[in-house]
Amino acid sequence: MIPEDLVPPDCPYPIALGIDPGTRRTGWGALLLVPQTPRFVACGVLDLPARASVAVRLGKLLEELEQMLSRLRPSWVALEGAFSARNVQSALRIGEARGVVLGAVARRGIRIQEISPAAAKKAVIGHGGASKEQVARMMARLLEIELEGMADDATDALALAWSVAQRLRFEERVSSGI
């Protein structure tokens, strides 16, 4: 889990938290939104008990998310948007996990942006058809960190957080007339 002292209470910069939801594994990635370029805070996955019922897994997801939100104190959450899947059951399960995330974030009054996987890939790579490997390599390069061996769910979540950071930067430039 996330150390309690990862983000100092007096941190002057906002945090964007990306979440790639699932009922077996949920990826997350946090970025510090400093003026020059986003900085890596942490990323990982929440592995949920595979043999447990869906209700138990969703309850565990809620518990872990609430701890994460308390410790990271994000200003924005970037949630992977709904998508259509060939497997209806998989799409339903992802929708259930998204609902847990939406509820947990809304309860805390945190701003949320739902971002499609293609939009996140476009923000990171420049086109929406990038592979998960390309996203991971580019996130490592952009953040100047080593992500070799990191789960795809975590690097996808970092890409979601990066996408929010880019959108915020663009909105700031537009509002200041640059």
N, C-alpha and C. Protein backbone atom coordinates (compact mmCIF):
# COMPACT_ATOMS: atom_id res chain seq x y z
N MET A 1 0.84 -1.19 0.00
CA MET A 1 0.00 0.00 0.00
C MET A 1 0.88 1.24 0.00
N ILE A 2 0.28 2.38 -0.08
CA ILE A 2 0.98 3.65 -0.17
C ILE A 2 1.42 4.10 1.21
N PRO A 3 2.70 4.47 1.35
CA PRO A 3 3.16 4.99 2.64
C PRO A 3 2.42 6.28 3.00
N GLU A 4 2.16 6.46 4.28
CA GLU A 4 1.41 7.65 4.71
C GLU A 4 2.16 8.94 4.48
N ASP A 5 3.49 8.89 4.48
CA ASP A 5 4.27 10.11 4.34
C ASP A 5 4.75 10.36 2.91
N LEU A 6 4.14 9.70 1.94
CA LEU A 6 4.56 9.85 0.56
C LEU A 6 4.37 11.28 0.06
N VAL A 7 3.28 11.90 0.45
CA VAL A 7 3.00 13.28 0.07
C VAL A 7 2.92 14.10 1.36
N PRO A 8 3.88 15.00 1.56
CA PRO A 8 3.86 15.82 2.78
C PRO A 8 2.58 16.64 2.87
N PRO A 9 2.07 16.84 4.07
CA PRO A 9 0.83 17.62 4.23
C PRO A 9 0.92 19.03 3.68
N ASP A 10 2.12 19.60 3.67
CA ASP A 10 2.29 20.97 3.19
C ASP A 10 2.73 21.05 1.73
N CYS A 11 2.55 19.98 0.99
CA CYS A 11 2.93 19.95 -0.43
C CYS A 11 2.16 21.05 -1.17
N PRO A 12 2.88 21.96 -1.85
CA PRO A 12 2.21 23.10 -2.50
C PRO A 12 1.60 22.78 -3.86
N TYR A 13 1.86 21.59 -4.40
CA TYR A 13 1.40 21.26 -5.73
C TYR A 13 0.27 20.23 -5.70
N PRO A 14 -0.67 20.35 -6.63
CA PRO A 14 -1.75 19.37 -6.70
C PRO A 14 -1.24 18.03 -7.25
N ILE A 15 -2.04 17.01 -7.01
CA ILE A 15 -1.73 15.67 -7.48
C ILE A 15 -2.85 15.19 -8.38
N ALA A 16 -2.45 14.57 -9.50
CA ALA A 16 -3.41 13.91 -10.39
C ALA A 16 -3.23 12.41 -10.19
N LEU A 17 -4.32 11.72 -9.96
CA LEU A 17 -4.31 10.27 -9.76
C LEU A 17 -5.06 9.62 -10.91
N GLY A 18 -4.37 8.76 -11.65
CA GLY A 18 -5.01 8.00 -12.71
C GLY A 18 -5.43 6.64 -12.18
N ILE A 19 -6.61 6.17 -12.59
CA ILE A 19 -7.11 4.88 -12.16
C ILE A 19 -7.62 4.09 -13.36
N ASP A 20 -7.07 2.89 -13.52
CA ASP A 20 -7.47 1.94 -14.55
C ASP A 20 -8.23 0.83 -13.82
N PRO A 21 -9.58 0.89 -13.80
CA PRO A 21 -10.36 0.04 -12.91
C PRO A 21 -10.54 -1.40 -13.41
N GLY A 22 -10.68 -2.28 -12.45
CA GLY A 22 -10.99 -3.67 -12.72
C GLY A 22 -11.42 -4.33 -11.42
N THR A 23 -12.11 -5.46 -11.51
CA THR A 23 -12.56 -6.14 -10.29
C THR A 23 -11.57 -7.21 -9.83
N ARG A 24 -10.56 -7.48 -10.62
CA ARG A 24 -9.49 -8.39 -10.19
C ARG A 24 -8.20 -7.62 -9.92
N ARG A 25 -7.98 -6.58 -10.70
CA ARG A 25 -6.78 -5.76 -10.57
C ARG A 25 -7.11 -4.35 -11.03
N THR A 26 -6.78 -3.38 -10.20
CA THR A 26 -6.98 -1.97 -10.53
C THR A 26 -5.63 -1.27 -10.51
N GLY A 27 -5.28 -0.65 -11.63
CA GLY A 27 -4.03 0.09 -11.70
C GLY A 27 -4.21 1.52 -11.23
N TRP A 28 -3.16 2.08 -10.66
CA TRP A 28 -3.19 3.48 -10.23
C TRP A 28 -1.82 4.11 -10.46
N GLY A 29 -1.83 5.41 -10.70
CA GLY A 29 -0.60 6.15 -10.88
C GLY A 29 -0.81 7.60 -10.50
N ALA A 30 0.12 8.14 -9.72
CA ALA A 30 -0.01 9.50 -9.22
C ALA A 30 1.13 10.38 -9.72
N LEU A 31 0.77 11.59 -10.12
CA LEU A 31 1.73 12.58 -10.59
C LEU A 31 1.56 13.88 -9.82
N LEU A 32 2.68 14.50 -9.49
CA LEU A 32 2.70 15.81 -8.87
C LEU A 32 2.67 16.84 -10.00
N LEU A 33 1.73 17.75 -9.96
CA LEU A 33 1.55 18.72 -11.04
C LEU A 33 2.35 19.99 -10.76
N VAL A 34 3.66 19.88 -10.96
CA VAL A 34 4.54 21.04 -10.80
C VAL A 34 4.49 21.87 -12.08
N PRO A 35 4.84 23.15 -12.02
CA PRO A 35 4.70 24.03 -13.19
C PRO A 35 5.43 23.56 -14.45
N GLN A 36 6.64 23.05 -14.34
CA GLN A 36 7.40 22.70 -15.54
C GLN A 36 6.82 21.47 -16.25
N THR A 37 6.78 20.36 -15.56
CA THR A 37 6.27 19.11 -16.12
C THR A 37 5.87 18.20 -14.98
N PRO A 38 4.86 17.36 -15.17
CA PRO A 38 4.45 16.48 -14.07
C PRO A 38 5.61 15.62 -13.57
N ARG A 39 5.60 15.37 -12.27
CA ARG A 39 6.63 14.55 -11.63
C ARG A 39 5.99 13.29 -11.06
N PHE A 40 6.70 12.20 -11.18
CA PHE A 40 6.24 10.91 -10.68
C PHE A 40 6.16 10.91 -9.16
N VAL A 41 5.05 10.40 -8.64
CA VAL A 41 4.90 10.21 -7.19
C VAL A 41 4.99 8.71 -6.89
N ALA A 42 4.08 7.94 -7.47
CA ALA A 42 4.06 6.50 -7.23
C ALA A 42 3.05 5.87 -8.19
N CYS A 43 3.16 4.56 -8.35
CA CYS A 43 2.16 3.82 -9.13
C CYS A 43 2.17 2.37 -8.67
N GLY A 44 1.14 1.66 -9.03
CA GLY A 44 1.06 0.25 -8.67
C GLY A 44 -0.29 -0.33 -9.03
N VAL A 45 -0.58 -1.46 -8.45
CA VAL A 45 -1.86 -2.12 -8.68
C VAL A 45 -2.47 -2.55 -7.35
N LEU A 46 -3.77 -2.53 -7.35
CA LEU A 46 -4.51 -3.10 -6.24
C LEU A 46 -4.97 -4.47 -6.71
N ASP A 47 -4.35 -5.51 -6.18
CA ASP A 47 -4.76 -6.87 -6.52
C ASP A 47 -5.88 -7.28 -5.59
N LEU A 48 -7.01 -7.63 -6.15
CA LEU A 48 -8.18 -7.99 -5.37
C LEU A 48 -8.29 -9.51 -5.30
N PRO A 49 -8.89 -10.04 -4.24
CA PRO A 49 -8.92 -11.50 -4.04
C PRO A 49 -9.67 -12.22 -5.17
N ALA A 50 -8.93 -12.93 -6.00
CA ALA A 50 -9.46 -13.54 -7.22
C ALA A 50 -10.58 -14.54 -6.95
N ARG A 51 -10.50 -15.27 -5.88
CA ARG A 51 -11.51 -16.31 -5.60
C ARG A 51 -12.71 -15.81 -4.82
N ALA A 52 -12.68 -14.56 -4.43
CA ALA A 52 -13.79 -13.98 -3.66
C ALA A 52 -14.94 -13.61 -4.60
N SER A 53 -16.09 -13.42 -4.03
CA SER A 53 -17.25 -12.99 -4.82
C SER A 53 -17.00 -11.58 -5.34
N VAL A 54 -17.77 -11.19 -6.35
CA VAL A 54 -17.64 -9.84 -6.90
C VAL A 54 -17.92 -8.81 -5.81
N ALA A 55 -18.92 -9.05 -4.98
CA ALA A 55 -19.26 -8.11 -3.92
C ALA A 55 -18.08 -7.92 -2.96
N VAL A 56 -17.42 -8.99 -2.59
CA VAL A 56 -16.26 -8.90 -1.69
C VAL A 56 -15.12 -8.14 -2.36
N ARG A 57 -14.88 -8.43 -3.65
CA ARG A 57 -13.81 -7.73 -4.37
C ARG A 57 -14.10 -6.24 -4.46
N LEU A 58 -15.35 -5.88 -4.76
CA LEU A 58 -15.72 -4.46 -4.85
C LEU A 58 -15.60 -3.78 -3.49
N GLY A 59 -15.95 -4.49 -2.44
CA GLY A 59 -15.79 -3.94 -1.09
C GLY A 59 -14.32 -3.69 -0.76
N LYS A 60 -13.46 -4.64 -1.14
CA LYS A 60 -12.02 -4.48 -0.93
C LYS A 60 -11.48 -3.32 -1.76
N LEU A 61 -11.95 -3.19 -3.01
CA LEU A 61 -11.55 -2.08 -3.86
C LEU A 61 -11.91 -0.75 -3.20
N LEU A 62 -13.11 -0.64 -2.68
CA LEU A 62 -13.54 0.59 -2.00
C LEU A 62 -12.65 0.89 -0.80
N GLU A 63 -12.36 -0.11 0.00
CA GLU A 63 -11.51 0.06 1.17
C GLU A 63 -10.12 0.56 0.77
N GLU A 64 -9.53 -0.08 -0.23
CA GLU A 64 -8.18 0.31 -0.67
C GLU A 64 -8.18 1.69 -1.31
N LEU A 65 -9.21 2.00 -2.09
CA LEU A 65 -9.31 3.33 -2.71
C LEU A 65 -9.42 4.43 -1.66
N GLU A 66 -10.22 4.20 -0.65
CA GLU A 66 -10.38 5.21 0.39
C GLU A 66 -9.05 5.48 1.10
N GLN A 67 -8.27 4.43 1.35
CA GLN A 67 -6.95 4.61 1.96
C GLN A 67 -6.04 5.41 1.01
N MET A 68 -6.07 5.04 -0.26
CA MET A 68 -5.23 5.71 -1.25
C MET A 68 -5.59 7.19 -1.35
N LEU A 69 -6.87 7.49 -1.42
CA LEU A 69 -7.31 8.88 -1.53
C LEU A 69 -6.91 9.68 -0.28
N SER A 70 -6.97 9.07 0.87
CA SER A 70 -6.56 9.74 2.11
C SER A 70 -5.07 10.03 2.12
N ARG A 71 -4.29 9.11 1.63
CA ARG A 71 -2.84 9.27 1.68
C ARG A 71 -2.29 10.16 0.57
N LEU A 72 -2.86 10.07 -0.62
CA LEU A 72 -2.36 10.87 -1.74
C LEU A 72 -3.00 12.25 -1.82
N ARG A 73 -4.22 12.38 -1.34
CA ARG A 73 -4.97 13.65 -1.39
C ARG A 73 -4.95 14.28 -2.79
N PRO A 74 -5.40 13.54 -3.81
CA PRO A 74 -5.37 14.11 -5.17
C PRO A 74 -6.37 15.25 -5.33
N SER A 75 -6.02 16.16 -6.22
CA SER A 75 -6.94 17.24 -6.61
C SER A 75 -7.80 16.81 -7.79
N TRP A 76 -7.26 15.89 -8.60
CA TRP A 76 -7.96 15.36 -9.77
C TRP A 76 -7.78 13.86 -9.81
N VAL A 77 -8.83 13.20 -10.26
CA VAL A 77 -8.74 11.77 -10.57
C VAL A 77 -9.09 11.61 -12.03
N ALA A 78 -8.24 10.88 -12.73
CA ALA A 78 -8.48 10.55 -14.13
C ALA A 78 -8.88 9.08 -14.17
N LEU A 79 -10.10 8.82 -14.53
CA LEU A 79 -10.64 7.47 -14.56
C LEU A 79 -10.80 7.01 -15.99
N GLU A 80 -10.32 5.80 -16.26
CA GLU A 80 -10.48 5.27 -17.60
C GLU A 80 -11.96 5.19 -17.92
N GLY A 81 -12.34 5.79 -19.05
CA GLY A 81 -13.73 5.83 -19.46
C GLY A 81 -14.26 4.47 -19.87
N ALA A 82 -15.57 4.38 -19.89
CA ALA A 82 -16.22 3.13 -20.29
C ALA A 82 -15.90 2.82 -21.74
N PHE A 83 -15.81 1.55 -22.04
CA PHE A 83 -15.57 1.13 -23.41
C PHE A 83 -16.44 -0.08 -23.68
N SER A 84 -16.63 -0.36 -24.95
CA SER A 84 -17.42 -1.54 -25.29
C SER A 84 -16.47 -2.70 -25.53
N ALA A 85 -16.81 -3.82 -24.95
CA ALA A 85 -15.97 -5.01 -25.07
C ALA A 85 -16.76 -6.11 -25.76
N ARG A 86 -16.03 -7.01 -26.36
CA ARG A 86 -16.69 -8.16 -26.98
C ARG A 86 -17.34 -9.03 -25.92
N ASN A 87 -16.69 -9.11 -24.77
CA ASN A 87 -17.21 -9.91 -23.67
C ASN A 87 -18.08 -9.01 -22.79
N VAL A 88 -19.38 -9.22 -22.86
CA VAL A 88 -20.32 -8.39 -22.11
C VAL A 88 -20.07 -8.51 -20.61
N GLN A 89 -19.74 -9.69 -20.14
CA GLN A 89 -19.49 -9.90 -18.72
C GLN A 89 -18.29 -9.07 -18.24
N SER A 90 -17.24 -9.02 -19.04
CA SER A 90 -16.07 -8.21 -18.69
C SER A 90 -16.42 -6.73 -18.64
N ALA A 91 -17.19 -6.26 -19.62
CA ALA A 91 -17.61 -4.86 -19.64
C ALA A 91 -18.45 -4.53 -18.40
N LEU A 92 -19.33 -5.45 -18.02
CA LEU A 92 -20.16 -5.26 -16.83
C LEU A 92 -19.28 -5.15 -15.59
N ARG A 93 -18.32 -6.02 -15.43
CA ARG A 93 -17.43 -6.02 -14.26
C ARG A 93 -16.62 -4.72 -14.18
N ILE A 94 -16.10 -4.28 -15.31
CA ILE A 94 -15.34 -3.03 -15.32
C ILE A 94 -16.26 -1.87 -14.94
N GLY A 95 -17.49 -1.91 -15.43
CA GLY A 95 -18.47 -0.88 -15.07
C GLY A 95 -18.75 -0.85 -13.58
N GLU A 96 -18.79 -2.03 -12.96
CA GLU A 96 -19.00 -2.09 -11.51
C GLU A 96 -17.82 -1.46 -10.76
N ALA A 97 -16.62 -1.77 -11.21
CA ALA A 97 -15.42 -1.19 -10.58
C ALA A 97 -15.40 0.33 -10.79
N ARG A 98 -15.77 0.78 -11.98
CA ARG A 98 -15.83 2.22 -12.25
C ARG A 98 -16.81 2.90 -11.30
N GLY A 99 -17.94 2.24 -11.04
CA GLY A 99 -18.93 2.79 -10.13
C GLY A 99 -18.38 2.97 -8.72
N VAL A 100 -17.60 2.00 -8.26
CA VAL A 100 -16.97 2.11 -6.94
C VAL A 100 -16.03 3.31 -6.91
N VAL A 101 -15.22 3.45 -7.96
CA VAL A 101 -14.26 4.57 -8.03
C VAL A 101 -15.01 5.90 -8.07
N LEU A 102 -16.01 6.01 -8.93
CA LEU A 102 -16.79 7.24 -9.04
C LEU A 102 -17.41 7.63 -7.70
N GLY A 103 -17.96 6.65 -7.00
CA GLY A 103 -18.58 6.92 -5.71
C GLY A 103 -17.57 7.37 -4.66
N ALA A 104 -16.43 6.69 -4.59
CA ALA A 104 -15.40 7.03 -3.60
C ALA A 104 -14.85 8.43 -3.86
N VAL A 105 -14.63 8.76 -5.12
CA VAL A 105 -14.08 10.07 -5.48
C VAL A 105 -15.12 11.17 -5.22
N ALA A 106 -16.37 10.92 -5.59
CA ALA A 106 -17.43 11.90 -5.41
C ALA A 106 -17.65 12.21 -3.92
N ARG A 107 -17.57 11.18 -3.09
CA ARG A 107 -17.77 11.38 -1.64
C ARG A 107 -16.76 12.36 -1.06
N ARG A 108 -15.59 12.43 -1.65
CA ARG A 108 -14.53 13.33 -1.16
C ARG A 108 -14.53 14.67 -1.89
N GLY A 109 -15.39 14.83 -2.87
CA GLY A 109 -15.46 16.09 -3.61
C GLY A 109 -14.26 16.34 -4.51
N ILE A 110 -13.60 15.28 -4.94
CA ILE A 110 -12.44 15.41 -5.82
C ILE A 110 -12.93 15.53 -7.25
N ARG A 111 -12.29 16.43 -8.00
CA ARG A 111 -12.65 16.58 -9.41
C ARG A 111 -12.25 15.32 -10.16
N ILE A 112 -13.10 14.91 -11.09
CA ILE A 112 -12.84 13.69 -11.84
C ILE A 112 -13.01 13.94 -13.33
N GLN A 113 -12.11 13.34 -14.09
CA GLN A 113 -12.23 13.38 -15.55
C GLN A 113 -12.21 11.94 -16.03
N GLU A 114 -13.20 11.61 -16.84
CA GLU A 114 -13.23 10.29 -17.45
C GLU A 114 -12.55 10.42 -18.81
N ILE A 115 -11.57 9.56 -19.03
CA ILE A 115 -10.75 9.65 -20.23
C ILE A 115 -10.73 8.29 -20.91
N SER A 116 -10.98 8.30 -22.20
CA SER A 116 -10.96 7.03 -22.94
C SER A 116 -9.52 6.53 -23.06
N PRO A 117 -9.34 5.23 -23.19
CA PRO A 117 -7.98 4.71 -23.39
C PRO A 117 -7.29 5.34 -24.60
N ALA A 118 -8.03 5.55 -25.68
CA ALA A 118 -7.44 6.15 -26.88
C ALA A 118 -6.99 7.58 -26.63
N ALA A 119 -7.77 8.36 -25.87
CA ALA A 119 -7.39 9.74 -25.57
C ALA A 119 -6.13 9.78 -24.69
N ALA A 120 -6.03 8.87 -23.74
CA ALA A 120 -4.83 8.81 -22.89
C ALA A 120 -3.61 8.44 -23.73
N LYS A 121 -3.76 7.46 -24.63
CA LYS A 121 -2.65 7.07 -25.50
C LYS A 121 -2.24 8.23 -26.40
N LYS A 122 -3.22 8.97 -26.89
CA LYS A 122 -2.92 10.11 -27.76
C LYS A 122 -2.15 11.19 -26.99
N ALA A 123 -2.51 11.43 -25.73
CA ALA A 123 -1.81 12.43 -24.92
C ALA A 123 -0.36 12.03 -24.66
N VAL A 124 -0.10 10.74 -24.58
CA VAL A 124 1.24 10.24 -24.26
C VAL A 124 2.07 9.99 -25.51
N ILE A 125 1.49 9.33 -26.50
CA ILE A 125 2.23 8.88 -27.68
C ILE A 125 1.99 9.77 -28.90
N GLY A 126 0.79 10.33 -29.00
CA GLY A 126 0.47 11.15 -30.16
C GLY A 126 -0.57 10.51 -31.06
N HIS A 127 -0.93 9.26 -30.76
CA HIS A 127 -2.02 8.60 -31.49
C HIS A 127 -2.69 7.60 -30.57
N GLY A 128 -3.96 7.37 -30.81
CA GLY A 128 -4.77 6.54 -29.92
C GLY A 128 -4.63 5.05 -30.10
N GLY A 129 -3.85 4.61 -31.07
CA GLY A 129 -3.72 3.18 -31.32
C GLY A 129 -2.44 2.57 -30.77
N ALA A 130 -1.77 3.24 -29.86
CA ALA A 130 -0.50 2.75 -29.32
C ALA A 130 -0.71 1.48 -28.50
N SER A 131 0.32 0.66 -28.47
CA SER A 131 0.27 -0.57 -27.65
C SER A 131 0.57 -0.23 -26.20
N LYS A 132 0.24 -1.15 -25.32
CA LYS A 132 0.53 -0.97 -23.90
C LYS A 132 2.04 -0.84 -23.66
N GLU A 133 2.82 -1.56 -24.44
CA GLU A 133 4.29 -1.48 -24.31
C GLU A 133 4.79 -0.11 -24.71
N GLN A 134 4.23 0.46 -25.78
CA GLN A 134 4.63 1.80 -26.21
C GLN A 134 4.28 2.84 -25.14
N VAL A 135 3.11 2.69 -24.55
CA VAL A 135 2.68 3.61 -23.49
C VAL A 135 3.65 3.52 -22.31
N ALA A 136 3.99 2.31 -21.90
CA ALA A 136 4.90 2.13 -20.76
C ALA A 136 6.27 2.74 -21.05
N ARG A 137 6.79 2.50 -22.24
CA ARG A 137 8.11 3.07 -22.59
C ARG A 137 8.08 4.59 -22.61
N MET A 138 7.02 5.16 -23.18
CA MET A 138 6.94 6.61 -23.26
C MET A 138 6.73 7.22 -21.87
N MET A 139 5.93 6.58 -21.01
CA MET A 139 5.75 7.10 -19.66
C MET A 139 7.09 7.10 -18.92
N ALA A 140 7.87 6.05 -19.08
CA ALA A 140 9.19 5.99 -18.45
C ALA A 140 10.07 7.13 -18.95
N ARG A 141 10.01 7.39 -20.24
CA ARG A 141 10.83 8.47 -20.83
C ARG A 141 10.35 9.84 -20.35
N LEU A 142 9.05 10.08 -20.41
CA LEU A 142 8.50 11.38 -20.01
C LEU A 142 8.77 11.70 -18.54
N LEU A 143 8.65 10.67 -17.70
CA LEU A 143 8.81 10.88 -16.26
C LEU A 143 10.24 10.66 -15.79
N GLU A 144 11.10 10.22 -16.72
CA GLU A 144 12.51 9.96 -16.41
C GLU A 144 12.66 9.00 -15.24
N ILE A 145 11.92 7.88 -15.33
CA ILE A 145 11.99 6.85 -14.31
C ILE A 145 12.06 5.48 -14.99
N GLU A 146 12.37 4.46 -14.23
CA GLU A 146 12.41 3.09 -14.72
C GLU A 146 11.06 2.43 -14.43
N LEU A 147 10.41 1.94 -15.46
CA LEU A 147 9.13 1.26 -15.31
C LEU A 147 9.19 -0.18 -15.82
N GLU A 148 10.39 -0.66 -16.11
CA GLU A 148 10.55 -2.03 -16.60
C GLU A 148 9.94 -3.01 -15.60
N GLY A 149 9.07 -3.88 -16.09
CA GLY A 149 8.43 -4.87 -15.23
C GLY A 149 7.19 -4.39 -14.50
N MET A 150 6.87 -3.11 -14.64
CA MET A 150 5.68 -2.58 -13.98
C MET A 150 4.45 -3.10 -14.73
N ALA A 151 3.40 -3.40 -14.01
CA ALA A 151 2.16 -3.92 -14.60
C ALA A 151 1.56 -2.90 -15.58
N ASP A 152 1.00 -3.42 -16.68
CA ASP A 152 0.34 -2.56 -17.68
C ASP A 152 -0.74 -1.69 -17.05
N ASP A 153 -1.45 -2.25 -16.07
CA ASP A 153 -2.53 -1.49 -15.42
C ASP A 153 -1.98 -0.23 -14.75
N ALA A 154 -0.79 -0.34 -14.17
CA ALA A 154 -0.17 0.82 -13.50
C ALA A 154 0.32 1.85 -14.51
N THR A 155 0.97 1.40 -15.58
CA THR A 155 1.46 2.37 -16.58
C THR A 155 0.30 3.00 -17.34
N ASP A 156 -0.78 2.23 -17.55
CA ASP A 156 -1.98 2.82 -18.16
C ASP A 156 -2.56 3.91 -17.26
N ALA A 157 -2.55 3.67 -15.95
CA ALA A 157 -3.05 4.66 -14.99
C ALA A 157 -2.18 5.91 -14.99
N LEU A 158 -0.87 5.73 -15.10
CA LEU A 158 0.02 6.89 -15.22
C LEU A 158 -0.31 7.70 -16.47
N ALA A 159 -0.61 7.01 -17.56
CA ALA A 159 -0.98 7.70 -18.80
C ALA A 159 -2.27 8.50 -18.62
N LEU A 160 -3.21 7.97 -17.85
CA LEU A 160 -4.43 8.71 -17.56
C LEU A 160 -4.12 9.98 -16.77
N ALA A 161 -3.27 9.85 -15.75
CA ALA A 161 -2.88 11.02 -14.96
C ALA A 161 -2.14 12.03 -15.83
N TRP A 162 -1.27 11.55 -16.72
CA TRP A 162 -0.53 12.43 -17.63
C TRP A 162 -1.50 13.19 -18.53
N SER A 163 -2.53 12.49 -18.99
CA SER A 163 -3.53 13.10 -19.86
C SER A 163 -4.23 14.26 -19.15
N VAL A 164 -4.59 14.07 -17.88
CA VAL A 164 -5.20 15.15 -17.11
C VAL A 164 -4.23 16.32 -16.98
N ALA A 165 -2.97 16.02 -16.69
CA ALA A 165 -1.96 17.07 -16.56
C ALA A 165 -1.86 17.88 -17.86
N GLN A 166 -1.87 17.20 -19.00
CA GLN A 166 -1.78 17.89 -20.28
C GLN A 166 -3.02 18.75 -20.54
N ARG A 167 -4.19 18.22 -20.20
CA ARG A 167 -5.42 18.99 -20.38
C ARG A 167 -5.41 20.25 -19.51
N LEU A 168 -4.98 20.09 -18.26
CA LEU A 168 -4.93 21.23 -17.36
C LEU A 168 -3.93 22.28 -17.85
N ARG A 169 -2.80 21.83 -18.34
CA ARG A 169 -1.79 22.75 -18.87
C ARG A 169 -2.36 23.52 -20.07
N PHE A 170 -3.06 22.80 -20.95
CA PHE A 170 -3.67 23.45 -22.12
C PHE A 170 -4.71 24.48 -21.69
N GLU A 171 -5.58 24.10 -20.75
CA GLU A 171 -6.62 25.02 -20.28
C GLU A 171 -6.00 26.26 -19.64
N GLU A 172 -4.90 26.07 -18.92
CA GLU A 172 -4.22 27.20 -18.29
C GLU A 172 -3.65 28.15 -19.34
N ARG A 173 -3.07 27.60 -20.39
CA ARG A 173 -2.52 28.42 -21.47
C ARG A 173 -3.61 29.20 -22.19
N VAL A 174 -4.73 28.53 -22.46
CA VAL A 174 -5.85 29.19 -23.13
C VAL A 174 -6.40 30.33 -22.27
N SER A 175 -6.58 30.06 -20.98
CA SER A 175 -7.15 31.09 -20.10
C SER A 175 -6.20 32.28 -19.89
N SER A 176 -4.89 32.02 -20.02
CA SER A 176 -3.93 33.14 -19.85
C SER A 176 -3.60 33.81 -21.19
N GLY A 177 -4.19 33.31 -22.28
CA GLY A 177 -3.99 33.95 -23.58
C GLY A 177 -2.69 33.59 -24.27
N ILE A 178 -2.03 32.52 -23.83
CA ILE A 178 -0.76 32.12 -24.47
C ILE A 178 -1.05 31.31 -25.71
